[in-house]
Amino acid sequence: MTKEHDLLRHVKTLMRVMLISERTPPEHQHIIKFNPLDFHTLGMVRTQPGVRATVVAGSLGIAATTASSVIGRLINRGWIERKQCTGDRRAYELNLTTEGQRIADAIHDQDIHDMSVFLSALTVTEQDELIRLLGKVARRVEALETEG
């Protein structure tokens, strides 16, 4: 096995157990079924109230039509509301509804809890090293995304 195979196996295990498996105890499951676009969009609107759909699409690296579909689905579920911008009548701001805020907060809290579980397998020194190394990998992947 190569290092790449080992890494892939470990990442797949983490993703499966924490995001997909229905056998995982309830305290380790999200409040709703995992959908990466929904989760990231809710998280973005949670941290950036009033964000525009074009910003969501750009940040997630998805087509405007895909962002529009995701936002429409979240509006239909009653989790996001769209309000016309005062400065630009063609643009809309996105905000969480009360229920959307509850869902987004629960997802964030669960994610933080999951990170605590991940880190609990390591010593403090190993935790710091893992965070440093993952940061390095994340910066490289983000650079590939924007530079091509």
Foldseek 3Di string as FASTA:
>chain_A
DDPVVVVVVVVVVLCCQQQNDPPNPPLSHAPDHDDPLLLQVLLVCLVPFFDWLVVSCVVVVHDSVVSVVSVVVCVVVQFKDWAQDPVDNVTITIHGDPVNNVRNVRVVVSVVVSVVVVPVVDDPVVSVVVVVVVVVVVVVVVCVSVVD
